[in-house]
Amino acid sequence: MRKKYLLIALFVLFGTHLDAKAHHKTRFKSPYLLIDKIEEKSSEKNKIISKAEEYLGASYGFGSKNTSKTDCSGFTKQVFEQLGLSLPRSAAEQSKYGFKVDVKDLQVGDLLFYRTYKKREPSHVAIYAGNGQIIHASFRSKRVQYDTINKRYYKQRFMYAKRLAVGEQELSSRQN
C-alpha cells in the first residue's frame, strides 16, 4: 500500500514537472538566434553597432523616434527593428525582454538599463558597443553618442544588463 502511494506521489510530482517544462518550451520556442551564441566579432553583432552608429549625432528628443531626433528607447527600438526584432517603446518595457547578464559577461549588442528619473524601474537604456563603451541617446548631451560604462554618472545609476535574441519574429517577453 505504501509503495502504491509513493508511486502515485512520484508520478504526480514528476508528471507535473514534465508538463510544466513542456509548456515552457512551447511558450518560448522560436527561430531566434540568441546573441550570446554569436562570436564577439560576428557579423550580427557588427550589424547592431553599424545600425546604431547611423544615429550618431542625432538630436535628443523625449518621445521622438526618427533618425534625426530620438530618445533612448526610441533609439534602441529603431536599431533592433532594422535587424528584425520588435521592441516596446519605453525603457521600462524593453527591460522585460531578454536574459539578464552580469556586467563582466557583457557582449556587443546587450542592452544596459539605468535608473535616471524613476526610482523602481529603468528610465534609460543603452546598447553595449564593446570595450567598456555604450552607444545611446543621451538626455544630458542632447544627442546620440558613445560613452564609457565606467563614467560615474552611469555607474551610479546602472540597474542591470539584458541579452536579446535576433530573429525573424517579434521577441516574446521573458524575465530572467
N, C-alpha and C. Protein backbone atom coordinates (compact mmCIF):
# COMPACT_ATOMS: atom_id res chain seq x y z
N MET A 1 0.82 -1.19 0.00
CA MET A 1 0.00 0.00 0.00
C MET A 1 0.87 1.25 0.00
N ARG A 2 1.91 1.24 0.83
CA ARG A 2 2.84 2.38 0.89
C ARG A 2 3.51 2.61 -0.46
N LYS A 3 3.90 1.52 -1.09
CA LYS A 3 4.56 1.63 -2.40
C LYS A 3 3.61 2.26 -3.42
N LYS A 4 2.35 1.90 -3.33
CA LYS A 4 1.35 2.44 -4.25
C LYS A 4 1.24 3.96 -4.10
N TYR A 5 1.16 4.44 -2.85
CA TYR A 5 1.08 5.88 -2.59
C TYR A 5 2.37 6.59 -3.00
N LEU A 6 3.49 5.94 -2.76
CA LEU A 6 4.78 6.51 -3.15
C LEU A 6 4.86 6.65 -4.67
N LEU A 7 4.44 5.61 -5.38
CA LEU A 7 4.45 5.66 -6.84
C LEU A 7 3.50 6.73 -7.36
N ILE A 8 2.33 6.85 -6.77
CA ILE A 8 1.37 7.89 -7.19
C ILE A 8 1.95 9.27 -6.93
N ALA A 9 2.56 9.45 -5.75
CA ALA A 9 3.16 10.75 -5.41
C ALA A 9 4.28 11.10 -6.38
N LEU A 10 5.14 10.13 -6.68
CA LEU A 10 6.23 10.38 -7.63
C LEU A 10 5.68 10.70 -9.02
N PHE A 11 4.65 9.97 -9.43
CA PHE A 11 4.06 10.23 -10.74
C PHE A 11 3.49 11.64 -10.81
N VAL A 12 2.77 12.03 -9.78
CA VAL A 12 2.18 13.37 -9.74
C VAL A 12 3.29 14.42 -9.74
N LEU A 13 4.30 14.20 -8.92
CA LEU A 13 5.40 15.16 -8.82
C LEU A 13 6.14 15.31 -10.15
N PHE A 14 6.58 14.20 -10.72
CA PHE A 14 7.34 14.27 -11.96
C PHE A 14 6.45 14.57 -13.16
N GLY A 15 5.23 14.08 -13.14
CA GLY A 15 4.30 14.37 -14.24
C GLY A 15 4.01 15.85 -14.35
N THR A 16 3.82 16.50 -13.22
CA THR A 16 3.59 17.95 -13.19
C THR A 16 4.82 18.69 -13.66
N HIS A 17 5.99 18.25 -13.20
CA HIS A 17 7.25 18.90 -13.58
C HIS A 17 7.47 18.80 -15.09
N LEU A 18 7.24 17.60 -15.64
CA LEU A 18 7.44 17.43 -17.08
C LEU A 18 6.44 18.26 -17.87
N ASP A 19 5.21 18.32 -17.40
CA ASP A 19 4.20 19.12 -18.08
C ASP A 19 4.58 20.60 -18.07
N ALA A 20 5.08 21.09 -16.94
CA ALA A 20 5.50 22.50 -16.85
C ALA A 20 6.65 22.77 -17.80
N LYS A 21 7.59 21.84 -17.87
CA LYS A 21 8.72 22.02 -18.79
C LYS A 21 8.25 22.04 -20.23
N ALA A 22 7.32 21.15 -20.58
CA ALA A 22 6.82 21.10 -21.95
C ALA A 22 6.13 22.41 -22.31
N HIS A 23 5.34 22.94 -21.39
CA HIS A 23 4.67 24.23 -21.62
C HIS A 23 5.69 25.34 -21.79
N HIS A 24 6.71 25.32 -20.96
CA HIS A 24 7.76 26.35 -21.02
C HIS A 24 8.45 26.32 -22.38
N LYS A 25 8.78 25.13 -22.85
CA LYS A 25 9.46 25.01 -24.14
C LYS A 25 8.56 25.49 -25.27
N THR A 26 7.31 25.14 -25.21
CA THR A 26 6.38 25.55 -26.26
C THR A 26 6.23 27.07 -26.28
N ARG A 27 6.12 27.65 -25.09
CA ARG A 27 5.90 29.09 -25.00
C ARG A 27 7.04 29.90 -25.60
N PHE A 28 8.26 29.46 -25.42
CA PHE A 28 9.40 30.25 -25.87
C PHE A 28 10.10 29.64 -27.09
N LYS A 29 9.50 28.61 -27.66
CA LYS A 29 10.09 28.01 -28.85
C LYS A 29 9.99 28.99 -30.01
N SER A 30 11.11 29.27 -30.64
CA SER A 30 11.11 30.23 -31.74
C SER A 30 12.36 30.06 -32.59
N PRO A 31 12.39 30.67 -33.76
CA PRO A 31 13.56 30.55 -34.63
C PRO A 31 14.65 31.55 -34.31
N TYR A 32 14.64 32.12 -33.10
CA TYR A 32 15.61 33.15 -32.78
C TYR A 32 17.03 32.63 -32.72
N LEU A 33 17.92 33.48 -33.08
CA LEU A 33 19.34 33.21 -32.94
C LEU A 33 19.76 34.01 -31.71
N LEU A 34 20.10 33.33 -30.64
CA LEU A 34 20.49 34.05 -29.43
C LEU A 34 21.81 34.75 -29.65
N ILE A 35 21.85 36.01 -29.29
CA ILE A 35 23.06 36.80 -29.48
C ILE A 35 24.23 36.20 -28.72
N ASP A 36 23.98 35.58 -27.55
CA ASP A 36 25.10 35.04 -26.79
C ASP A 36 25.72 33.82 -27.45
N LYS A 37 25.10 33.28 -28.48
CA LYS A 37 25.68 32.16 -29.21
C LYS A 37 26.51 32.64 -30.40
N ILE A 38 26.57 33.93 -30.59
CA ILE A 38 27.31 34.51 -31.70
C ILE A 38 28.67 34.95 -31.19
N GLU A 39 29.71 34.71 -31.93
CA GLU A 39 31.03 35.15 -31.52
C GLU A 39 31.10 36.67 -31.46
N GLU A 40 31.99 37.19 -30.60
CA GLU A 40 32.11 38.63 -30.34
C GLU A 40 32.29 39.43 -31.63
N LYS A 41 33.05 38.97 -32.59
CA LYS A 41 33.34 39.74 -33.81
C LYS A 41 32.42 39.35 -34.97
N SER A 42 31.32 38.68 -34.69
CA SER A 42 30.46 38.19 -35.76
C SER A 42 29.75 39.31 -36.51
N SER A 43 29.22 38.96 -37.66
CA SER A 43 28.55 39.96 -38.49
C SER A 43 27.26 40.45 -37.85
N GLU A 44 26.53 39.60 -37.11
CA GLU A 44 25.28 40.04 -36.47
C GLU A 44 25.55 41.13 -35.43
N LYS A 45 26.57 40.94 -34.63
CA LYS A 45 26.90 41.94 -33.61
C LYS A 45 27.43 43.21 -34.26
N ASN A 46 28.20 43.07 -35.31
CA ASN A 46 28.68 44.25 -36.03
C ASN A 46 27.53 45.01 -36.67
N LYS A 47 26.50 44.28 -37.11
CA LYS A 47 25.32 44.93 -37.70
C LYS A 47 24.62 45.80 -36.66
N ILE A 48 24.53 45.31 -35.43
CA ILE A 48 23.88 46.09 -34.37
C ILE A 48 24.58 47.42 -34.21
N ILE A 49 25.90 47.39 -34.10
CA ILE A 49 26.66 48.63 -33.89
C ILE A 49 26.63 49.49 -35.14
N SER A 50 26.71 48.89 -36.31
CA SER A 50 26.62 49.66 -37.56
C SER A 50 25.30 50.41 -37.65
N LYS A 51 24.21 49.72 -37.33
CA LYS A 51 22.90 50.37 -37.35
C LYS A 51 22.84 51.48 -36.30
N ALA A 52 23.37 51.21 -35.11
CA ALA A 52 23.36 52.21 -34.04
C ALA A 52 24.18 53.44 -34.44
N GLU A 53 25.31 53.22 -35.09
CA GLU A 53 26.18 54.33 -35.49
C GLU A 53 25.53 55.24 -36.54
N GLU A 54 24.53 54.74 -37.26
CA GLU A 54 23.81 55.58 -38.21
C GLU A 54 23.11 56.74 -37.51
N TYR A 55 22.88 56.60 -36.21
CA TYR A 55 22.19 57.63 -35.43
C TYR A 55 23.15 58.57 -34.70
N LEU A 56 24.45 58.29 -34.74
CA LEU A 56 25.40 59.15 -34.02
C LEU A 56 25.20 60.61 -34.40
N GLY A 57 25.11 61.45 -33.39
CA GLY A 57 24.92 62.88 -33.61
C GLY A 57 23.47 63.31 -33.73
N ALA A 58 22.55 62.34 -33.86
CA ALA A 58 21.12 62.70 -33.94
C ALA A 58 20.73 63.42 -32.66
N SER A 59 19.88 64.42 -32.78
CA SER A 59 19.43 65.20 -31.62
C SER A 59 18.56 64.36 -30.70
N TYR A 60 18.62 64.68 -29.41
CA TYR A 60 17.78 64.03 -28.43
C TYR A 60 16.42 64.71 -28.41
N GLY A 61 15.38 63.91 -28.40
CA GLY A 61 14.02 64.44 -28.29
C GLY A 61 13.17 63.46 -27.53
N PHE A 62 12.78 63.80 -26.31
CA PHE A 62 11.98 62.89 -25.49
C PHE A 62 10.70 62.53 -26.23
N GLY A 63 10.48 61.23 -26.41
CA GLY A 63 9.28 60.76 -27.10
C GLY A 63 9.42 60.70 -28.61
N SER A 64 10.49 61.27 -29.16
CA SER A 64 10.71 61.24 -30.61
C SER A 64 11.30 59.90 -31.00
N LYS A 65 11.12 59.55 -32.25
CA LYS A 65 11.68 58.28 -32.73
C LYS A 65 11.91 58.30 -34.23
N ASN A 66 12.87 59.09 -34.66
CA ASN A 66 13.28 59.04 -36.06
C ASN A 66 14.79 59.22 -36.12
N THR A 67 15.36 59.13 -37.30
CA THR A 67 16.82 59.16 -37.41
C THR A 67 17.42 60.52 -37.09
N SER A 68 16.65 61.60 -37.16
CA SER A 68 17.22 62.92 -36.87
C SER A 68 16.99 63.36 -35.43
N LYS A 69 15.99 62.77 -34.76
CA LYS A 69 15.69 63.14 -33.38
C LYS A 69 15.08 61.93 -32.68
N THR A 70 15.64 61.55 -31.53
CA THR A 70 15.17 60.35 -30.84
C THR A 70 15.48 60.42 -29.36
N ASP A 71 14.82 59.57 -28.58
CA ASP A 71 15.21 59.40 -27.18
C ASP A 71 15.82 58.01 -27.03
N CYS A 72 16.21 57.63 -25.83
CA CYS A 72 16.97 56.39 -25.64
C CYS A 72 16.22 55.14 -26.08
N SER A 73 14.97 55.00 -25.67
CA SER A 73 14.22 53.79 -26.03
C SER A 73 13.77 53.81 -27.48
N GLY A 74 13.50 54.99 -28.02
CA GLY A 74 13.20 55.09 -29.45
C GLY A 74 14.40 54.68 -30.28
N PHE A 75 15.57 55.06 -29.82
CA PHE A 75 16.83 54.71 -30.48
C PHE A 75 17.02 53.19 -30.50
N THR A 76 16.93 52.54 -29.33
CA THR A 76 17.13 51.08 -29.29
C THR A 76 16.04 50.36 -30.07
N LYS A 77 14.83 50.84 -29.98
CA LYS A 77 13.72 50.24 -30.73
C LYS A 77 14.00 50.27 -32.23
N GLN A 78 14.44 51.41 -32.74
CA GLN A 78 14.70 51.54 -34.18
C GLN A 78 15.89 50.69 -34.62
N VAL A 79 16.95 50.67 -33.83
CA VAL A 79 18.13 49.87 -34.18
C VAL A 79 17.76 48.40 -34.31
N PHE A 80 17.08 47.86 -33.30
CA PHE A 80 16.76 46.44 -33.32
C PHE A 80 15.66 46.11 -34.33
N GLU A 81 14.76 47.03 -34.60
CA GLU A 81 13.74 46.79 -35.64
C GLU A 81 14.38 46.61 -37.00
N GLN A 82 15.46 47.34 -37.26
CA GLN A 82 16.16 47.20 -38.54
C GLN A 82 16.81 45.83 -38.68
N LEU A 83 16.94 45.12 -37.55
CA LEU A 83 17.52 43.78 -37.56
C LEU A 83 16.45 42.70 -37.37
N GLY A 84 15.18 43.11 -37.45
CA GLY A 84 14.09 42.15 -37.38
C GLY A 84 13.58 41.84 -35.99
N LEU A 85 13.90 42.67 -35.02
CA LEU A 85 13.47 42.44 -33.64
C LEU A 85 12.63 43.61 -33.15
N SER A 86 11.39 43.34 -32.84
CA SER A 86 10.47 44.39 -32.42
C SER A 86 10.51 44.55 -30.90
N LEU A 87 10.83 45.74 -30.44
CA LEU A 87 10.87 46.05 -29.01
C LEU A 87 9.77 47.04 -28.67
N PRO A 88 9.32 47.06 -27.42
CA PRO A 88 8.35 48.08 -27.00
C PRO A 88 8.98 49.46 -27.02
N ARG A 89 8.19 50.48 -26.78
CA ARG A 89 8.63 51.86 -26.91
C ARG A 89 9.40 52.40 -25.71
N SER A 90 9.13 51.95 -24.49
CA SER A 90 9.78 52.54 -23.31
C SER A 90 10.92 51.67 -22.77
N ALA A 91 11.86 52.31 -22.08
CA ALA A 91 12.97 51.58 -21.45
C ALA A 91 12.44 50.57 -20.44
N ALA A 92 11.44 50.96 -19.66
CA ALA A 92 10.87 50.05 -18.66
C ALA A 92 10.30 48.80 -19.32
N GLU A 93 9.59 48.97 -20.43
CA GLU A 93 9.02 47.83 -21.14
C GLU A 93 10.11 47.00 -21.82
N GLN A 94 11.11 47.65 -22.40
CA GLN A 94 12.20 46.92 -23.04
C GLN A 94 12.96 46.07 -22.02
N SER A 95 13.01 46.53 -20.78
CA SER A 95 13.76 45.80 -19.75
C SER A 95 13.11 44.47 -19.40
N LYS A 96 11.90 44.23 -19.85
CA LYS A 96 11.21 42.97 -19.57
C LYS A 96 11.59 41.88 -20.57
N TYR A 97 12.39 42.22 -21.55
CA TYR A 97 12.77 41.28 -22.60
C TYR A 97 14.19 40.79 -22.41
N GLY A 98 14.46 39.59 -22.88
CA GLY A 98 15.81 39.05 -22.87
C GLY A 98 16.19 38.37 -21.58
N PHE A 99 17.47 38.12 -21.43
CA PHE A 99 18.03 37.39 -20.31
C PHE A 99 19.05 38.26 -19.60
N LYS A 100 18.98 38.32 -18.27
CA LYS A 100 19.95 39.12 -17.53
C LYS A 100 21.35 38.55 -17.70
N VAL A 101 22.32 39.45 -17.83
CA VAL A 101 23.72 39.06 -17.91
C VAL A 101 24.52 39.92 -16.94
N ASP A 102 25.57 39.34 -16.40
CA ASP A 102 26.45 40.06 -15.49
C ASP A 102 27.30 41.05 -16.27
N VAL A 103 27.65 42.16 -15.65
CA VAL A 103 28.47 43.18 -16.32
C VAL A 103 29.78 42.59 -16.83
N LYS A 104 30.36 41.68 -16.10
CA LYS A 104 31.64 41.09 -16.53
C LYS A 104 31.47 40.19 -17.76
N ASP A 105 30.23 39.84 -18.09
CA ASP A 105 29.96 38.99 -19.25
C ASP A 105 29.31 39.74 -20.41
N LEU A 106 29.36 41.06 -20.39
CA LEU A 106 28.73 41.85 -21.44
C LEU A 106 29.29 41.51 -22.82
N GLN A 107 28.39 41.51 -23.80
CA GLN A 107 28.77 41.31 -25.19
C GLN A 107 28.15 42.42 -26.02
N VAL A 108 28.77 42.68 -27.15
CA VAL A 108 28.26 43.69 -28.07
C VAL A 108 26.79 43.39 -28.37
N GLY A 109 25.95 44.43 -28.27
CA GLY A 109 24.53 44.28 -28.55
C GLY A 109 23.66 44.11 -27.32
N ASP A 110 24.26 43.86 -26.16
CA ASP A 110 23.47 43.76 -24.93
C ASP A 110 22.89 45.13 -24.60
N LEU A 111 21.73 45.13 -23.96
CA LEU A 111 21.10 46.37 -23.53
C LEU A 111 21.41 46.61 -22.06
N LEU A 112 21.81 47.84 -21.72
CA LEU A 112 22.09 48.22 -20.34
C LEU A 112 20.98 49.16 -19.88
N PHE A 113 20.46 48.90 -18.71
CA PHE A 113 19.34 49.67 -18.18
C PHE A 113 19.77 50.47 -16.96
N TYR A 114 19.29 51.71 -16.92
CA TYR A 114 19.68 52.66 -15.88
C TYR A 114 18.46 53.29 -15.23
N ARG A 115 18.63 53.66 -13.98
CA ARG A 115 17.62 54.39 -13.21
C ARG A 115 18.01 55.86 -13.25
N THR A 116 17.29 56.67 -14.00
CA THR A 116 17.63 58.09 -14.07
C THR A 116 16.60 58.96 -13.37
N TYR A 117 15.34 58.87 -13.75
CA TYR A 117 14.35 59.70 -13.08
C TYR A 117 13.24 58.89 -12.42
N LYS A 118 13.19 57.60 -12.65
CA LYS A 118 12.23 56.73 -11.97
C LYS A 118 13.00 55.92 -10.93
N LYS A 119 12.38 55.68 -9.78
CA LYS A 119 13.10 55.01 -8.69
C LYS A 119 13.09 53.49 -8.79
N ARG A 120 12.01 52.91 -9.27
CA ARG A 120 11.86 51.46 -9.20
C ARG A 120 12.07 50.72 -10.53
N GLU A 121 12.03 51.44 -11.62
CA GLU A 121 12.17 50.78 -12.91
C GLU A 121 13.12 51.58 -13.80
N PRO A 122 13.67 50.92 -14.81
CA PRO A 122 14.60 51.63 -15.70
C PRO A 122 13.92 52.77 -16.44
N SER A 123 14.67 53.86 -16.59
CA SER A 123 14.17 55.00 -17.35
C SER A 123 15.17 55.40 -18.43
N HIS A 124 16.25 54.63 -18.56
CA HIS A 124 17.24 54.88 -19.62
C HIS A 124 17.78 53.54 -20.09
N VAL A 125 18.04 53.44 -21.40
CA VAL A 125 18.58 52.22 -21.98
C VAL A 125 19.68 52.59 -22.98
N ALA A 126 20.71 51.74 -23.04
CA ALA A 126 21.84 51.95 -23.96
C ALA A 126 22.24 50.60 -24.54
N ILE A 127 22.95 50.63 -25.66
CA ILE A 127 23.46 49.42 -26.31
C ILE A 127 24.94 49.29 -25.99
N TYR A 128 25.35 48.10 -25.54
CA TYR A 128 26.77 47.88 -25.27
C TYR A 128 27.50 47.73 -26.60
N ALA A 129 28.57 48.51 -26.78
CA ALA A 129 29.31 48.53 -28.04
C ALA A 129 30.65 47.80 -27.95
N GLY A 130 30.97 47.25 -26.78
CA GLY A 130 32.24 46.57 -26.59
C GLY A 130 33.28 47.51 -25.99
N ASN A 131 34.33 46.94 -25.46
CA ASN A 131 35.44 47.70 -24.88
C ASN A 131 35.00 48.74 -23.85
N GLY A 132 33.98 48.39 -23.05
CA GLY A 132 33.53 49.29 -22.00
C GLY A 132 32.77 50.50 -22.49
N GLN A 133 32.27 50.46 -23.72
CA GLN A 133 31.56 51.60 -24.32
C GLN A 133 30.08 51.28 -24.52
N ILE A 134 29.25 52.30 -24.39
CA ILE A 134 27.83 52.20 -24.75
C ILE A 134 27.54 53.24 -25.82
N ILE A 135 26.53 52.97 -26.60
CA ILE A 135 26.03 53.95 -27.55
C ILE A 135 24.56 54.16 -27.18
N HIS A 136 24.17 55.43 -27.04
CA HIS A 136 22.82 55.73 -26.55
C HIS A 136 22.42 57.15 -26.90
N ALA A 137 21.14 57.43 -26.75
CA ALA A 137 20.62 58.79 -26.90
C ALA A 137 20.70 59.43 -25.51
N SER A 138 21.62 60.35 -25.36
CA SER A 138 21.90 60.96 -24.07
C SER A 138 21.05 62.22 -23.84
N PHE A 139 20.26 62.19 -22.78
CA PHE A 139 19.46 63.36 -22.41
C PHE A 139 20.39 64.51 -22.00
N ARG A 140 21.45 64.16 -21.28
CA ARG A 140 22.37 65.19 -20.77
C ARG A 140 23.14 65.88 -21.89
N SER A 141 23.56 65.12 -22.90
CA SER A 141 24.33 65.70 -24.01
C SER A 141 23.44 66.10 -25.18
N LYS A 142 22.17 65.72 -25.12
CA LYS A 142 21.18 66.08 -26.15
C LYS A 142 21.49 65.50 -27.53
N ARG A 143 22.11 64.29 -27.55
CA ARG A 143 22.39 63.65 -28.83
C ARG A 143 22.71 62.16 -28.63
N VAL A 144 22.73 61.42 -29.74
CA VAL A 144 23.17 60.02 -29.72
C VAL A 144 24.69 60.04 -29.75
N GLN A 145 25.30 59.31 -28.83
CA GLN A 145 26.76 59.34 -28.70
C GLN A 145 27.28 58.08 -28.01
N TYR A 146 28.60 57.94 -28.03
CA TYR A 146 29.28 56.91 -27.25
C TYR A 146 29.58 57.47 -25.87
N ASP A 147 29.58 56.60 -24.88
CA ASP A 147 30.01 56.92 -23.52
C ASP A 147 30.69 55.69 -22.95
N THR A 148 31.39 55.87 -21.86
CA THR A 148 32.01 54.73 -21.18
C THR A 148 31.08 54.25 -20.06
N ILE A 149 31.03 52.94 -19.85
CA ILE A 149 30.19 52.42 -18.77
C ILE A 149 30.79 52.75 -17.40
N ASN A 150 32.04 53.15 -17.40
CA ASN A 150 32.71 53.49 -16.14
C ASN A 150 32.52 54.95 -15.73
N LYS A 151 31.84 55.72 -16.55
CA LYS A 151 31.55 57.11 -16.20
C LYS A 151 30.73 57.11 -14.90
N ARG A 152 31.11 57.95 -13.98
CA ARG A 152 30.48 57.99 -12.65
C ARG A 152 28.95 58.07 -12.73
N TYR A 153 28.45 58.94 -13.58
CA TYR A 153 27.01 59.12 -13.72
C TYR A 153 26.31 57.80 -14.03
N TYR A 154 26.86 57.02 -14.96
CA TYR A 154 26.23 55.77 -15.37
C TYR A 154 26.47 54.65 -14.37
N LYS A 155 27.63 54.61 -13.76
CA LYS A 155 27.92 53.58 -12.74
C LYS A 155 26.94 53.70 -11.58
N GLN A 156 26.65 54.92 -11.17
CA GLN A 156 25.74 55.14 -10.03
C GLN A 156 24.30 54.78 -10.36
N ARG A 157 23.93 54.81 -11.61
CA ARG A 157 22.54 54.60 -11.99
C ARG A 157 22.27 53.25 -12.67
N PHE A 158 23.31 52.47 -12.88
CA PHE A 158 23.17 51.18 -13.56
C PHE A 158 22.29 50.23 -12.74
N MET A 159 21.37 49.56 -13.42
CA MET A 159 20.50 48.57 -12.77
C MET A 159 20.89 47.14 -13.17
N TYR A 160 20.88 46.87 -14.48
CA TYR A 160 21.23 45.54 -14.98
C TYR A 160 21.36 45.58 -16.50
N ALA A 161 21.85 44.45 -17.05
CA ALA A 161 22.01 44.32 -18.50
C ALA A 161 21.19 43.12 -18.95
N LYS A 162 20.72 43.19 -20.20
CA LYS A 162 19.94 42.09 -20.78
C LYS A 162 20.50 41.75 -22.16
N ARG A 163 20.43 40.47 -22.49
CA ARG A 163 20.81 39.99 -23.82
C ARG A 163 19.54 39.58 -24.55
N LEU A 164 19.37 40.09 -25.75
CA LEU A 164 18.18 39.80 -26.55
C LEU A 164 18.46 38.70 -27.55
N ALA A 165 17.43 38.34 -28.30
CA ALA A 165 17.55 37.37 -29.37
C ALA A 165 17.23 38.08 -30.68
N VAL A 166 17.97 37.77 -31.72
CA VAL A 166 17.72 38.35 -33.03
C VAL A 166 17.10 37.27 -33.89
N GLY A 167 15.97 37.56 -34.51
CA GLY A 167 15.31 36.57 -35.34
C GLY A 167 14.35 37.21 -36.30
N GLU A 168 13.51 36.39 -36.91
CA GLU A 168 12.59 36.88 -37.91
C GLU A 168 11.27 37.34 -37.32
N GLN A 169 10.97 36.94 -36.09
CA GLN A 169 9.70 37.31 -35.48
C GLN A 169 9.93 38.17 -34.25
N GLU A 170 8.85 38.73 -33.74
CA GLU A 170 8.94 39.56 -32.54
C GLU A 170 9.38 38.72 -31.35
N LEU A 171 10.21 39.28 -30.50
CA LEU A 171 10.70 38.59 -29.31
C LEU A 171 9.59 38.48 -28.28
N SER A 172 9.45 37.29 -27.70
CA SER A 172 8.48 37.11 -26.62
C SER A 172 9.06 37.68 -25.34
N SER A 173 8.22 38.29 -24.54
CA SER A 173 8.65 38.86 -23.27
C SER A 173 9.10 37.74 -22.35
N ARG A 174 10.26 37.90 -21.74
CA ARG A 174 10.77 36.89 -20.82
C ARG A 174 11.65 37.55 -19.79
N GLN A 175 11.29 37.45 -18.55
CA GLN A 175 12.09 37.99 -17.45
C GLN A 175 13.05 36.91 -17.00
N ASN A 176 14.24 37.29 -16.66
CA ASN A 176 15.21 36.34 -16.12
C ASN A 176 16.01 37.01 -15.05
